[in-house]
């Protein structure tokens, strides 16, 4: 995992960092969206292109680590 958030360069790195922080802690993050729009960059930098994501509903992120 990257040592600081400044080292995160890709979406997979962000997901791995989130998983590493939450695993085994019984954590759950719930987000409720109503007509929410987000411009998602294709890469880091000034020349990134953007995809528009539209969300309406609930997103839950749950973690569980069965390895003990």
PDB file of N, CA and C in Angstrom:
ATOM      1  N   UNK A   1       0.835  -1.179   0.000  1.00  0.00           N
ATOM      2  CA  UNK A   1       0.000   0.000   0.000  1.00  0.00           C
ATOM      3  C   UNK A   1       0.879   1.241   0.000  1.00  0.00           C
ATOM      4  N   UNK A   2       0.413   2.302  -0.623  1.00  0.00           N
ATOM      5  CA  UNK A   2       1.151   3.564  -0.639  1.00  0.00           C
ATOM      6  C   UNK A   2       1.228   4.122   0.777  1.00  0.00           C
ATOM      7  N   UNK A   3       2.328   4.791   1.077  1.00  0.00           N
ATOM      8  CA  UNK A   3       2.554   5.301   2.423  1.00  0.00           C
ATOM      9  C   UNK A   3       1.678   6.511   2.749  1.00  0.00           C
ATOM     10  N   UNK A   4       1.417   7.370   1.771  1.00  0.00           N
ATOM     11  CA  UNK A   4       0.588   8.546   1.999  1.00  0.00           C
ATOM     12  C   UNK A   4      -0.439   8.655   0.897  1.00  0.00           C
ATOM     13  N   UNK A   5      -1.487   9.402   1.162  1.00  0.00           N
ATOM     14  CA  UNK A   5      -2.532   9.566   0.155  1.00  0.00           C
ATOM     15  C   UNK A   5      -2.007  10.270  -1.094  1.00  0.00           C
ATOM     16  N   UNK A   6      -0.920  11.024  -0.965  1.00  0.00           N
ATOM     17  CA  UNK A   6      -0.333  11.710  -2.112  1.00  0.00           C
ATOM     18  C   UNK A   6       0.277  10.725  -3.108  1.00  0.00           C
ATOM     19  N   UNK A   7       0.557   9.493  -2.658  1.00  0.00           N
ATOM     20  CA  UNK A   7       1.143   8.478  -3.529  1.00  0.00           C
ATOM     21  C   UNK A   7       0.105   7.765  -4.382  1.00  0.00           C
ATOM     22  N   UNK A   8      -1.171   7.926  -4.096  1.00  0.00           N
ATOM     23  CA  UNK A   8      -2.232   7.243  -4.828  1.00  0.00           C
ATOM     24  C   UNK A   8      -2.349   7.836  -6.230  1.00  0.00           C
ATOM     25  N   UNK A   9      -2.186   6.981  -7.244  1.00  0.00           N
ATOM     26  CA  UNK A   9      -2.204   7.435  -8.625  1.00  0.00           C
ATOM     27  C   UNK A   9      -3.333   6.829  -9.451  1.00  0.00           C
ATOM     28  N   UNK A  10      -3.934   5.735  -8.978  1.00  0.00           N
ATOM     29  CA  UNK A  10      -4.959   5.051  -9.769  1.00  0.00           C
ATOM     30  C   UNK A  10      -6.151   4.674  -8.889  1.00  0.00           C
ATOM     31  N   UNK A  11      -7.284   4.370  -9.548  1.00  0.00           N
ATOM     32  CA  UNK A  11      -8.477   3.915  -8.815  1.00  0.00           C
ATOM     33  C   UNK A  11      -8.209   2.619  -8.061  1.00  0.00           C
ATOM     34  N   UNK A  12      -7.511   1.644  -8.649  1.00  0.00           N
ATOM     35  CA  UNK A  12      -7.215   0.420  -7.877  1.00  0.00           C
ATOM     36  C   UNK A  12      -6.388   0.703  -6.618  1.00  0.00           C
ATOM     37  N   UNK A  13      -5.428   1.605  -6.701  1.00  0.00           N
ATOM     38  CA  UNK A  13      -4.647   1.957  -5.513  1.00  0.00           C
ATOM     39  C   UNK A  13      -5.536   2.569  -4.437  1.00  0.00           C
ATOM     40  N   UNK A  14      -6.486   3.389  -4.841  1.00  0.00           N
ATOM     41  CA  UNK A  14      -7.413   3.993  -3.892  1.00  0.00           C
ATOM     42  C   UNK A  14      -8.263   2.914  -3.223  1.00  0.00           C
ATOM     43  N   UNK A  15      -8.778   1.970  -4.013  1.00  0.00           N
ATOM     44  CA  UNK A  15      -9.602   0.887  -3.473  1.00  0.00           C
ATOM     45  C   UNK A  15      -8.801   0.014  -2.509  1.00  0.00           C
ATOM     46  N   UNK A  16      -7.563  -0.304  -2.872  1.00  0.00           N
ATOM     47  CA  UNK A  16      -6.700  -1.120  -2.009  1.00  0.00           C
ATOM     48  C   UNK A  16      -6.439  -0.397  -0.692  1.00  0.00           C
ATOM     49  N   UNK A  17      -6.154   0.888  -0.760  1.00  0.00           N
ATOM     50  CA  UNK A  17      -5.911   1.667   0.452  1.00  0.00           C
ATOM     51  C   UNK A  17      -7.129   1.690   1.363  1.00  0.00           C
ATOM     52  N   UNK A  18      -8.309   1.856   0.788  1.00  0.00           N
ATOM     53  CA  UNK A  18      -9.549   1.858   1.567  1.00  0.00           C
ATOM     54  C   UNK A  18      -9.758   0.500   2.214  1.00  0.00           C
ATOM     55  N   UNK A  19      -9.582  -0.579   1.449  1.00  0.00           N
ATOM     56  CA  UNK A  19      -9.751  -1.928   1.976  1.00  0.00           C
ATOM     57  C   UNK A  19      -8.767  -2.178   3.123  1.00  0.00           C
ATOM     58  N   UNK A  20      -7.510  -1.796   2.933  1.00  0.00           N
ATOM     59  CA  UNK A  20      -6.492  -1.999   3.967  1.00  0.00           C
ATOM     60  C   UNK A  20      -6.849  -1.280   5.267  1.00  0.00           C
ATOM     61  N   UNK A  21      -7.424  -0.103   5.165  1.00  0.00           N
ATOM     62  CA  UNK A  21      -7.779   0.664   6.356  1.00  0.00           C
ATOM     63  C   UNK A  21      -8.966   0.065   7.104  1.00  0.00           C
ATOM     64  N   UNK A  22      -9.910  -0.565   6.381  1.00  0.00           N
ATOM     65  CA  UNK A  22     -11.160  -1.001   6.983  1.00  0.00           C
ATOM     66  C   UNK A  22     -11.213  -2.484   7.338  1.00  0.00           C
ATOM     67  N   UNK A  23     -10.437  -3.305   6.680  1.00  0.00           N
ATOM     68  CA  UNK A  23     -10.515  -4.753   6.867  1.00  0.00           C
ATOM     69  C   UNK A  23     -10.300  -5.139   8.323  1.00  0.00           C
ATOM     70  N   UNK A  24     -11.180  -6.014   8.795  1.00  0.00           N
ATOM     71  CA  UNK A  24     -11.050  -6.538  10.144  1.00  0.00           C
ATOM     72  C   UNK A  24     -11.532  -5.611  11.229  1.00  0.00           C
ATOM     73  N   UNK A  25     -12.085  -4.503  10.870  1.00  0.00           N
ATOM     74  CA  UNK A  25     -12.534  -3.536  11.868  1.00  0.00           C
ATOM     75  C   UNK A  25     -14.052  -3.474  11.963  1.00  0.00           C
ATOM     76  N   UNK A  26     -14.740  -4.333  11.227  1.00  0.00           N
ATOM     77  CA  UNK A  26     -16.194  -4.319  11.251  1.00  0.00           C
ATOM     78  C   UNK A  26     -16.770  -3.039  10.690  1.00  0.00           C
ATOM     79  N   UNK A  27     -16.041  -2.397   9.811  1.00  0.00           N
ATOM     80  CA  UNK A  27     -16.442  -1.094   9.288  1.00  0.00           C
ATOM     81  C   UNK A  27     -17.502  -1.223   8.209  1.00  0.00           C
ATOM     82  N   UNK A  28     -18.370  -0.268   8.160  1.00  0.00           N
ATOM     83  CA  UNK A  28     -19.330  -0.135   7.072  1.00  0.00           C
ATOM     84  C   UNK A  28     -19.484   1.342   6.774  1.00  0.00           C
ATOM     85  N   UNK A  29     -19.395   1.681   5.498  1.00  0.00           N
ATOM     86  CA  UNK A  29     -19.596   3.054   5.058  1.00  0.00           C
ATOM     87  C   UNK A  29     -20.833   3.053   4.167  1.00  0.00           C
ATOM     88  N   UNK A  30     -21.792   3.890   4.465  1.00  0.00           N
ATOM     89  CA  UNK A  30     -23.009   3.974   3.670  1.00  0.00           C
ATOM     90  C   UNK A  30     -23.151   5.395   3.129  1.00  0.00           C
ATOM     91  N   UNK A  31     -23.362   5.496   1.832  1.00  0.00           N
ATOM     92  CA  UNK A  31     -23.598   6.781   1.189  1.00  0.00           C
ATOM     93  C   UNK A  31     -24.968   6.753   0.547  1.00  0.00           C
ATOM     94  N   UNK A  32     -25.769   7.766   0.786  1.00  0.00           N
ATOM     95  CA  UNK A  32     -27.070   7.914   0.139  1.00  0.00           C
ATOM     96  C   UNK A  32     -26.984   9.079  -0.837  1.00  0.00           C
ATOM     97  N   UNK A  33     -27.359   8.824  -2.085  1.00  0.00           N
ATOM     98  CA  UNK A  33     -27.292   9.839  -3.131  1.00  0.00           C
ATOM     99  C   UNK A  33     -28.681  10.126  -3.675  1.00  0.00           C
ATOM    100  N   UNK A  34     -28.926  11.389  -3.946  1.00  0.00           N
ATOM    101  CA  UNK A  34     -30.160  11.792  -4.616  1.00  0.00           C
ATOM    102  C   UNK A  34     -29.789  12.759  -5.726  1.00  0.00           C
ATOM    103  N   UNK A  35     -29.939  12.307  -6.969  1.00  0.00           N
ATOM    104  CA  UNK A  35     -29.602  13.120  -8.142  1.00  0.00           C
ATOM    105  C   UNK A  35     -28.180  13.689  -8.058  1.00  0.00           C
ATOM    106  N   UNK A  36     -27.230  12.840  -7.736  1.00  0.00           N
ATOM    107  CA  UNK A  36     -25.830  13.229  -7.556  1.00  0.00           C
ATOM    108  C   UNK A  36     -25.075  12.996  -8.856  1.00  0.00           C
ATOM    109  N   UNK A  37     -24.268  13.961  -9.279  1.00  0.00           N
ATOM    110  CA  UNK A  37     -23.438  13.818 -10.478  1.00  0.00           C
ATOM    111  C   UNK A  37     -21.976  14.035 -10.104  1.00  0.00           C
ATOM    112  N   UNK A  38     -21.099  13.200 -10.682  1.00  0.00           N
ATOM    113  CA  UNK A  38     -19.679  13.255 -10.380  1.00  0.00           C
ATOM    114  C   UNK A  38     -18.902  13.125 -11.679  1.00  0.00           C
ATOM    115  N   UNK A  39     -17.944  14.008 -11.903  1.00  0.00           N
ATOM    116  CA  UNK A  39     -17.054  13.913 -13.059  1.00  0.00           C
ATOM    117  C   UNK A  39     -15.816  13.135 -12.638  1.00  0.00           C
ATOM    118  N   UNK A  40     -15.631  11.940 -13.215  1.00  0.00           N
ATOM    119  CA  UNK A  40     -14.543  11.034 -12.848  1.00  0.00           C
ATOM    120  C   UNK A  40     -13.413  11.175 -13.867  1.00  0.00           C
ATOM    121  N   UNK A  41     -12.203  11.546 -13.401  1.00  0.00           N
ATOM    122  CA  UNK A  41     -11.086  11.726 -14.333  1.00  0.00           C
ATOM    123  C   UNK A  41     -10.549  10.392 -14.842  1.00  0.00           C
ATOM    124  N   UNK A  42     -10.054  10.383 -16.082  1.00  0.00           N
ATOM    125  CA  UNK A  42      -9.478   9.188 -16.692  1.00  0.00           C
ATOM    126  C   UNK A  42      -8.068   8.919 -16.174  1.00  0.00           C
ATOM    127  N   UNK A  43      -7.425   9.962 -15.657  1.00  0.00           N
ATOM    128  CA  UNK A  43      -6.058   9.834 -15.133  1.00  0.00           C
ATOM    129  C   UNK A  43      -5.729  11.069 -14.315  1.00  0.00           C
ATOM    130  N   UNK A  44      -4.581  11.049 -13.691  1.00  0.00           N
ATOM    131  CA  UNK A  44      -4.087  12.198 -12.929  1.00  0.00           C
ATOM    132  C   UNK A  44      -3.409  13.153 -13.895  1.00  0.00           C
ATOM    133  N   UNK A  45      -3.707  14.444 -13.782  1.00  0.00           N
ATOM    134  CA  UNK A  45      -3.036  15.429 -14.616  1.00  0.00           C
ATOM    135  C   UNK A  45      -4.006  16.391 -15.265  1.00  0.00           C
ATOM    136  N   UNK A  46      -3.448  17.455 -15.804  1.00  0.00           N
ATOM    137  CA  UNK A  46      -4.254  18.512 -16.418  1.00  0.00           C
ATOM    138  C   UNK A  46      -4.946  18.077 -17.703  1.00  0.00           C
ATOM    139  N   UNK A  47      -4.404  17.063 -18.380  1.00  0.00           N
ATOM    140  CA  UNK A  47      -4.969  16.634 -19.663  1.00  0.00           C
ATOM    141  C   UNK A  47      -5.944  15.460 -19.526  1.00  0.00           C
ATOM    142  N   UNK A  48      -6.464  15.221 -18.320  1.00  0.00           N
ATOM    143  CA  UNK A  48      -7.406  14.126 -18.096  1.00  0.00           C
ATOM    144  C   UNK A  48      -8.738  14.417 -18.778  1.00  0.00           C
ATOM    145  N   UNK A  49      -9.360  13.355 -19.273  1.00  0.00           N
ATOM    146  CA  UNK A  49     -10.728  13.434 -19.771  1.00  0.00           C
ATOM    147  C   UNK A  49     -11.648  12.997 -18.636  1.00  0.00           C
ATOM    148  N   UNK A  50     -12.934  13.362 -18.714  1.00  0.00           N
ATOM    149  CA  UNK A  50     -13.854  13.083 -17.618  1.00  0.00           C
ATOM    150  C   UNK A  50     -15.079  12.328 -18.094  1.00  0.00           C
ATOM    151  N   UNK A  51     -15.495  11.358 -17.278  1.00  0.00           N
ATOM    152  CA  UNK A  51     -16.750  10.642 -17.498  1.00  0.00           C
ATOM    153  C   UNK A  51     -17.721  11.121 -16.424  1.00  0.00           C
ATOM    154  N   UNK A  52     -18.957  11.359 -16.814  1.00  0.00           N
ATOM    155  CA  UNK A  52     -19.967  11.817 -15.857  1.00  0.00           C
ATOM    156  C   UNK A  52     -20.707  10.611 -15.298  1.00  0.00           C
ATOM    157  N   UNK A  53     -20.649  10.450 -13.976  1.00  0.00           N
ATOM    158  CA  UNK A  53     -21.396   9.401 -13.293  1.00  0.00           C
ATOM    159  C   UNK A  53     -22.602  10.050 -12.632  1.00  0.00           C
ATOM    160  N   UNK A  54     -23.764   9.445 -12.799  1.00  0.00           N
ATOM    161  CA  UNK A  54     -24.979   9.917 -12.145  1.00  0.00           C
ATOM    162  C   UNK A  54     -25.435   8.837 -11.174  1.00  0.00           C
ATOM    163  N   UNK A  55     -25.721   9.249  -9.940  1.00  0.00           N
ATOM    164  CA  UNK A  55     -26.100   8.297  -8.904  1.00  0.00           C
ATOM    165  C   UNK A  55     -27.369   8.738  -8.214  1.00  0.00           C
ATOM    166  N   UNK A  56     -28.217   7.763  -7.956  1.00  0.00           N
ATOM    167  CA  UNK A  56     -29.444   8.007  -7.214  1.00  0.00           C
ATOM    168  C   UNK A  56     -29.746   6.721  -6.465  1.00  0.00           C
ATOM    169  N   UNK A  57     -29.512   6.704  -5.181  1.00  0.00           N
ATOM    170  CA  UNK A  57     -29.719   5.499  -4.394  1.00  0.00           C
ATOM    171  C   UNK A  57     -28.683   5.392  -3.288  1.00  0.00           C
ATOM    172  N   UNK A  58     -28.382   4.163  -2.897  1.00  0.00           N
ATOM    173  CA  UNK A  58     -27.482   3.903  -1.783  1.00  0.00           C
ATOM    174  C   UNK A  58     -26.305   3.055  -2.236  1.00  0.00           C
ATOM    175  N   UNK A  59     -25.112   3.422  -1.805  1.00  0.00           N
ATOM    176  CA  UNK A  59     -23.899   2.628  -2.023  1.00  0.00           C
ATOM    177  C   UNK A  59     -23.382   2.239  -0.645  1.00  0.00           C
ATOM    178  N   UNK A  60     -23.168   0.946  -0.435  1.00  0.00           N
ATOM    179  CA  UNK A  60     -22.617   0.468   0.833  1.00  0.00           C
ATOM    180  C   UNK A  60     -21.284  -0.209   0.568  1.00  0.00           C
ATOM    181  N   UNK A  61     -20.302   0.092   1.379  1.00  0.00           N
ATOM    182  CA  UNK A  61     -19.007  -0.581   1.323  1.00  0.00           C
ATOM    183  C   UNK A  61     -18.845  -1.285   2.661  1.00  0.00           C
ATOM    184  N   UNK A  62     -18.786  -2.612   2.603  1.00  0.00           N
ATOM    185  CA  UNK A  62     -18.606  -3.404   3.815  1.00  0.00           C
ATOM    186  C   UNK A  62     -17.330  -4.200   3.674  1.00  0.00           C
ATOM    187  N   UNK A  63     -16.666  -4.421   4.785  1.00  0.00           N
ATOM    188  CA  UNK A  63     -15.450  -5.223   4.729  1.00  0.00           C
ATOM    189  C   UNK A  63     -15.534  -6.339   5.750  1.00  0.00           C
ATOM    190  N   UNK A  64     -14.894  -7.450   5.408  1.00  0.00           N
ATOM    191  CA  UNK A  64     -14.815  -8.572   6.324  1.00  0.00           C
ATOM    192  C   UNK A  64     -13.569  -9.369   5.973  1.00  0.00           C
ATOM    193  N   UNK A  65     -12.827  -9.746   6.968  1.00  0.00           N
ATOM    194  CA  UNK A  65     -11.619 -10.509   6.760  1.00  0.00           C
ATOM    195  C   UNK A  65     -11.755 -11.818   7.516  1.00  0.00           C
ATOM    196  N   UNK A  66     -11.895 -12.931   6.785  1.00  0.00           N
ATOM    197  CA  UNK A  66     -12.068 -14.232   7.411  1.00  0.00           C
ATOM    198  C   UNK A  66     -10.754 -14.841   7.851  1.00  0.00           C
ATOM    199  N   UNK A  67      -9.630 -14.350   7.362  1.00  0.00           N
ATOM    200  CA  UNK A  67      -8.323 -14.887   7.745  1.00  0.00           C
ATOM    201  C   UNK A  67      -7.957 -14.382   9.133  1.00  0.00           C
ATOM    202  N   UNK A  68      -7.681 -15.289  10.046  1.00  0.00           N
ATOM    203  CA  UNK A  68      -7.316 -14.870  11.409  1.00  0.00           C
ATOM    204  C   UNK A  68      -6.020 -15.527  11.822  1.00  0.00           C
TER     205      UNK A  68
END
